[in-house]
Amino acid sequence: MGNSVLVDGYEAPIFHDYYYGDPDSLRDATGQQYRAWAETAFLQQTAGRKGSALLQVDCYSRVGEEGESSGDPFGMFVDEIADEILTPFSGLKIGGVQKGIFHVFDYSDINNPVDAGMCIYMINSQGQVGEPEDRRRLDFYQDFRRVTLTLRFQLIQDMAGSAAFYTT
């Protein structure tokens, strides 16, 4: 996903696990304020342990005045940010493989990562690869629009069920 997303020439930062963060830059001496940004946080981290990892992505955009160069009077820019965040996961790669499937690498040797022979899938509870678990557009609040995405990630072993796990 990266640390930013580019939409219509605007680079919106993505703050990962930014619980104590200051996305509005209120403590920034320069007083810079973002037109739009996204925040991520894991709600559940049980992928590889008979579960899944749920990642919540909150996308925000300021609603500006009509006619401003950065104006967004109808609050539609936040939907474009959410769409762009989903782009790396949705659709097919050139070889016909779904984009929502990733190989897991072992980074024990950071200079020479090795394929661990497992895949992780972004898959919703209906079994659709590359589709979010949930997407909600929340009400207008204090000059902000917000879209919340919930992404579910599972290892192929998790999807196979309890038979795929070793028991004692």
C-alpha atoms as a PDB file:
ATOM      1  CA  MET A   1       0.000   0.000   0.000  1.00  0.00           C
ATOM      2  CA  GLY A   2       2.880   2.358   0.678  1.00  0.00           C
ATOM      3  CA  ASN A   3       3.059   5.627   2.570  1.00  0.00           C
ATOM      4  CA  SER A   4       1.085   7.750   0.118  1.00  0.00           C
ATOM      5  CA  VAL A   5      -1.458   7.526  -2.659  1.00  0.00           C
ATOM      6  CA  LEU A   6      -1.534   9.713  -5.771  1.00  0.00           C
ATOM      7  CA  VAL A   7      -4.961  10.949  -6.919  1.00  0.00           C
ATOM      8  CA  ASP A   8      -5.425  13.621  -9.609  1.00  0.00           C
ATOM      9  CA  GLY A   9      -1.907  14.941  -9.026  1.00  0.00           C
ATOM     10  CA  TYR A  10      -2.357  15.193  -5.244  1.00  0.00           C
ATOM     11  CA  GLU A  11      -0.190  12.936  -3.081  1.00  0.00           C
ATOM     12  CA  ALA A  12      -2.235  12.023  -0.009  1.00  0.00           C
ATOM     13  CA  PRO A  13      -0.169  10.595   2.859  1.00  0.00           C
ATOM     14  CA  ILE A  14      -1.090   7.274   4.466  1.00  0.00           C
ATOM     15  CA  PHE A  15      -0.442   7.102   8.207  1.00  0.00           C
ATOM     16  CA  HIS A  16      -0.009   3.506   9.415  1.00  0.00           C
ATOM     17  CA  ASP A  17      -1.071   2.668  12.999  1.00  0.00           C
ATOM     18  CA  TYR A  18      -1.252   6.370  13.686  1.00  0.00           C
ATOM     19  CA  TYR A  19      -3.222   6.190  16.941  1.00  0.00           C
ATOM     20  CA  TYR A  20      -1.400   9.059  18.574  1.00  0.00           C
ATOM     21  CA  GLY A  21      -0.713  10.807  15.302  1.00  0.00           C
ATOM     22  CA  ASP A  22      -1.515  14.319  14.263  1.00  0.00           C
ATOM     23  CA  PRO A  23      -2.794  14.081  10.678  1.00  0.00           C
ATOM     24  CA  ASP A  24      -4.241  17.582  10.895  1.00  0.00           C
ATOM     25  CA  SER A  25      -0.726  18.930  11.637  1.00  0.00           C
ATOM     26  CA  LEU A  26      -1.977  21.007  14.542  1.00  0.00           C
ATOM     27  CA  ARG A  27       1.393  20.644  16.272  1.00  0.00           C
ATOM     28  CA  ASP A  28       3.344  21.304  13.080  1.00  0.00           C
ATOM     29  CA  ALA A  29       5.204  24.619  13.342  1.00  0.00           C
ATOM     30  CA  THR A  30       4.635  25.325   9.643  1.00  0.00           C
ATOM     31  CA  GLY A  31       0.871  24.978  10.081  1.00  0.00           C
ATOM     32  CA  GLN A  32       0.589  22.728   7.011  1.00  0.00           C
ATOM     33  CA  GLN A  33      -2.794  21.063   6.749  1.00  0.00           C
ATOM     34  CA  TYR A  34      -3.565  18.155   4.460  1.00  0.00           C
ATOM     35  CA  ARG A  35      -6.334  18.304   1.911  1.00  0.00           C
ATOM     36  CA  ALA A  36      -6.738  14.529   2.214  1.00  0.00           C
ATOM     37  CA  TRP A  37      -5.079  11.592   3.939  1.00  0.00           C
ATOM     38  CA  ALA A  38      -5.658   7.990   5.008  1.00  0.00           C
ATOM     39  CA  GLU A  39      -5.014   6.163   8.262  1.00  0.00           C
ATOM     40  CA  THR A  40      -4.604   2.421   8.749  1.00  0.00           C
ATOM     41  CA  ALA A  41      -4.891   0.195  11.812  1.00  0.00           C
ATOM     42  CA  PHE A  42      -5.094  -3.563  12.265  1.00  0.00           C
ATOM     43  CA  LEU A  43      -8.292  -4.595  14.039  1.00  0.00           C
ATOM     44  CA  GLN A  44      -7.367  -8.271  14.165  1.00  0.00           C
ATOM     45  CA  GLN A  45      -4.053 -10.029  13.558  1.00  0.00           C
ATOM     46  CA  THR A  46      -4.672 -13.770  13.490  1.00  0.00           C
ATOM     47  CA  ALA A  47      -3.621 -14.595   9.923  1.00  0.00           C
ATOM     48  CA  GLY A  48      -1.601 -17.802  10.058  1.00  0.00           C
ATOM     49  CA  ARG A  49      -3.248 -18.796  13.334  1.00  0.00           C
ATOM     50  CA  LYS A  50      -6.591 -20.132  12.076  1.00  0.00           C
ATOM     51  CA  GLY A  51      -7.899 -16.637  11.496  1.00  0.00           C
ATOM     52  CA  SER A  52      -7.399 -13.542   9.426  1.00  0.00           C
ATOM     53  CA  ALA A  53      -5.919 -10.087   9.637  1.00  0.00           C
ATOM     54  CA  LEU A  54      -8.412  -7.245   9.389  1.00  0.00           C
ATOM     55  CA  LEU A  55      -7.007  -3.910   8.302  1.00  0.00           C
ATOM     56  CA  GLN A  56      -9.165  -0.806   8.642  1.00  0.00           C
ATOM     57  CA  VAL A  57      -8.338   2.046   6.267  1.00  0.00           C
ATOM     58  CA  ASP A  58      -9.955   5.395   7.024  1.00  0.00           C
ATOM     59  CA  CYS A  59      -9.818   7.882   4.140  1.00  0.00           C
ATOM     60  CA  TYR A  60     -10.428  11.568   4.862  1.00  0.00           C
ATOM     61  CA  SER A  61     -10.818  14.634   2.668  1.00  0.00           C
ATOM     62  CA  ARG A  62     -11.646  18.222   3.446  1.00  0.00           C
ATOM     63  CA  VAL A  63     -14.721  19.609   1.790  1.00  0.00           C
ATOM     64  CA  GLY A  64     -13.729  22.940   0.264  1.00  0.00           C
ATOM     65  CA  GLU A  65     -15.566  25.792  -1.298  1.00  0.00           C
ATOM     66  CA  GLU A  66     -16.833  25.636  -4.852  1.00  0.00           C
ATOM     67  CA  GLY A  67     -14.371  27.249  -7.255  1.00  0.00           C
ATOM     68  CA  GLU A  68     -11.306  26.767  -5.051  1.00  0.00           C
ATOM     69  CA  SER A  69      -8.378  25.041  -6.712  1.00  0.00           C
ATOM     70  CA  SER A  70      -8.455  22.401  -3.976  1.00  0.00           C
ATOM     71  CA  GLY A  71     -12.199  22.622  -3.443  1.00  0.00           C
ATOM     72  CA  ASP A  72     -14.356  19.531  -3.211  1.00  0.00           C
ATOM     73  CA  PRO A  73     -17.877  20.895  -2.660  1.00  0.00           C
ATOM     74  CA  PHE A  74     -19.567  17.496  -3.028  1.00  0.00           C
ATOM     75  CA  GLY A  75     -17.011  15.479  -1.077  1.00  0.00           C
ATOM     76  CA  MET A  76     -16.259  13.041  -3.911  1.00  0.00           C
ATOM     77  CA  PHE A  77     -12.450  13.190  -3.651  1.00  0.00           C
ATOM     78  CA  VAL A  78     -12.452  10.804  -0.683  1.00  0.00           C
ATOM     79  CA  ASP A  79     -14.072   8.093  -2.842  1.00  0.00           C
ATOM     80  CA  GLU A  80     -11.268   8.467  -5.396  1.00  0.00           C
ATOM     81  CA  ILE A  81      -8.708   7.994  -2.617  1.00  0.00           C
ATOM     82  CA  ALA A  82     -10.464   4.819  -1.445  1.00  0.00           C
ATOM     83  CA  ASP A  83     -10.589   3.501  -5.032  1.00  0.00           C
ATOM     84  CA  GLU A  84      -6.877   4.200  -5.500  1.00  0.00           C
ATOM     85  CA  ILE A  85      -6.002   2.415  -2.240  1.00  0.00           C
ATOM     86  CA  LEU A  86      -7.877  -0.677  -3.488  1.00  0.00           C
ATOM     87  CA  THR A  87      -6.162  -0.614  -6.913  1.00  0.00           C
ATOM     88  CA  PRO A  88      -3.141  -2.796  -5.943  1.00  0.00           C
ATOM     89  CA  PHE A  89      -5.522  -5.522  -4.705  1.00  0.00           C
ATOM     90  CA  SER A  90      -8.317  -5.536  -7.304  1.00  0.00           C
ATOM     91  CA  GLY A  91      -8.270  -7.010 -10.777  1.00  0.00           C
ATOM     92  CA  LEU A  92      -5.735  -9.173 -12.577  1.00  0.00           C
ATOM     93  CA  LYS A  93      -1.982  -8.959 -13.069  1.00  0.00           C
ATOM     94  CA  ILE A  94      -0.506  -9.229 -16.579  1.00  0.00           C
ATOM     95  CA  GLY A  95      -0.148 -13.029 -16.271  1.00  0.00           C
ATOM     96  CA  GLY A  96      -3.831 -13.420 -15.380  1.00  0.00           C
ATOM     97  CA  VAL A  97      -3.197 -13.972 -11.653  1.00  0.00           C
ATOM     98  CA  GLN A  98      -5.389 -11.999  -9.257  1.00  0.00           C
ATOM     99  CA  LYS A  99      -3.722  -8.917  -7.753  1.00  0.00           C
ATOM    100  CA  GLY A 100      -5.103  -9.821  -4.310  1.00  0.00           C
ATOM    101  CA  ILE A 101      -2.720 -12.810  -4.004  1.00  0.00           C
ATOM    102  CA  PHE A 102       0.798 -12.202  -2.634  1.00  0.00           C
ATOM    103  CA  HIS A 103       3.747 -14.497  -1.997  1.00  0.00           C
ATOM    104  CA  VAL A 104       5.098 -14.490   1.556  1.00  0.00           C
ATOM    105  CA  PHE A 105       8.860 -13.924   1.837  1.00  0.00           C
ATOM    106  CA  ASP A 106      11.216 -14.791   4.679  1.00  0.00           C
ATOM    107  CA  TYR A 107      13.335 -11.724   5.458  1.00  0.00           C
ATOM    108  CA  SER A 108      15.727 -13.425   7.904  1.00  0.00           C
ATOM    109  CA  ASP A 109      18.458 -12.285   5.544  1.00  0.00           C
ATOM    110  CA  ILE A 110      17.259  -8.817   4.580  1.00  0.00           C
ATOM    111  CA  ASN A 111      19.571  -8.693   1.567  1.00  0.00           C
ATOM    112  CA  ASN A 112      18.350 -12.025   0.213  1.00  0.00           C
ATOM    113  CA  PRO A 113      14.659 -12.625   1.012  1.00  0.00           C
ATOM    114  CA  VAL A 114      13.476 -16.152   0.240  1.00  0.00           C
ATOM    115  CA  ASP A 115      10.020 -17.196  -0.935  1.00  0.00           C
ATOM    116  CA  ALA A 116       8.437 -19.047   2.022  1.00  0.00           C
ATOM    117  CA  GLY A 117       6.217 -21.118  -0.282  1.00  0.00           C
ATOM    118  CA  MET A 118       2.995 -19.587   1.092  1.00  0.00           C
ATOM    119  CA  CYS A 119       0.547 -17.062  -0.235  1.00  0.00           C
ATOM    120  CA  ILE A 120      -1.534 -14.467   1.518  1.00  0.00           C
ATOM    121  CA  TYR A 121      -4.873 -13.466   0.015  1.00  0.00           C
ATOM    122  CA  MET A 122      -6.913 -10.323   0.344  1.00  0.00           C
ATOM    123  CA  ILE A 123     -10.275 -12.074   0.368  1.00  0.00           C
ATOM    124  CA  ASN A 124     -13.603 -11.105   1.861  1.00  0.00           C
ATOM    125  CA  SER A 125     -15.862 -13.449   3.822  1.00  0.00           C
ATOM    126  CA  GLN A 126     -17.879 -14.175   0.637  1.00  0.00           C
ATOM    127  CA  GLY A 127     -14.732 -15.597  -0.992  1.00  0.00           C
ATOM    128  CA  GLN A 128     -14.117 -12.736  -3.434  1.00  0.00           C
ATOM    129  CA  VAL A 129     -10.364 -12.198  -3.897  1.00  0.00           C
ATOM    130  CA  GLY A 130      -9.272  -8.565  -4.110  1.00  0.00           C
ATOM    131  CA  GLU A 131     -12.541  -7.180  -2.753  1.00  0.00           C
ATOM    132  CA  PRO A 132     -12.872  -5.351   0.585  1.00  0.00           C
ATOM    133  CA  GLU A 133     -14.774  -6.921   3.448  1.00  0.00           C
ATOM    134  CA  ASP A 134     -16.636  -3.666   3.932  1.00  0.00           C
ATOM    135  CA  ARG A 135     -16.740  -0.158   2.462  1.00  0.00           C
ATOM    136  CA  ARG A 136     -18.727   2.587   4.160  1.00  0.00           C
ATOM    137  CA  ARG A 137     -19.115   6.237   3.407  1.00  0.00           C
ATOM    138  CA  LEU A 138     -19.736   7.994   6.698  1.00  0.00           C
ATOM    139  CA  ASP A 139     -21.635  11.200   7.300  1.00  0.00           C
ATOM    140  CA  PHE A 140     -20.174  14.640   6.767  1.00  0.00           C
ATOM    141  CA  TYR A 141     -18.458  15.748   9.975  1.00  0.00           C
ATOM    142  CA  GLN A 142     -16.588  19.011  10.715  1.00  0.00           C
ATOM    143  CA  ASP A 143     -15.739  19.803   7.078  1.00  0.00           C
ATOM    144  CA  PHE A 144     -14.499  16.234   6.443  1.00  0.00           C
ATOM    145  CA  ARG A 145     -15.764  13.359   4.358  1.00  0.00           C
ATOM    146  CA  ARG A 146     -14.741   9.869   5.441  1.00  0.00           C
ATOM    147  CA  VAL A 147     -14.745   6.481   3.734  1.00  0.00           C
ATOM    148  CA  THR A 148     -13.836   3.443   5.806  1.00  0.00           C
ATOM    149  CA  LEU A 149     -12.530   0.265   4.167  1.00  0.00           C
ATOM    150  CA  THR A 150     -12.103  -3.047   5.967  1.00  0.00           C
ATOM    151  CA  LEU A 151      -9.660  -5.405   4.258  1.00  0.00           C
ATOM    152  CA  ARG A 152      -9.401  -9.095   5.246  1.00  0.00           C
ATOM    153  CA  PHE A 153      -6.138 -10.983   4.693  1.00  0.00           C
ATOM    154  CA  GLN A 154      -5.720 -14.744   5.101  1.00  0.00           C
ATOM    155  CA  LEU A 155      -2.971 -17.244   4.469  1.00  0.00           C
ATOM    156  CA  ILE A 156      -3.935 -20.120   2.202  1.00  0.00           C
ATOM    157  CA  GLN A 157      -3.501 -22.355   5.267  1.00  0.00           C
ATOM    158  CA  ASP A 158      -6.188 -20.345   7.106  1.00  0.00           C
ATOM    159  CA  MET A 159      -8.622 -20.822   4.225  1.00  0.00           C
ATOM    160  CA  ALA A 160      -8.081 -24.599   4.222  1.00  0.00           C
ATOM    161  CA  GLY A 161      -9.549 -24.793   7.723  1.00  0.00           C
ATOM    162  CA  SER A 162      -8.513 -26.759  10.784  1.00  0.00           C
ATOM    163  CA  ALA A 163      -7.318 -29.774   8.762  1.00  0.00           C
ATOM    164  CA  ALA A 164      -4.406 -27.676   7.469  1.00  0.00           C
ATOM    165  CA  PHE A 165      -3.031 -27.033  10.952  1.00  0.00           C
ATOM    166  CA  TYR A 166      -0.893 -29.466  12.885  1.00  0.00           C
ATOM    167  CA  THR A 167      -2.439 -30.740  16.104  1.00  0.00           C
ATOM    168  CA  THR A 168      -0.837 -32.561  19.000  1.00  0.00           C
END
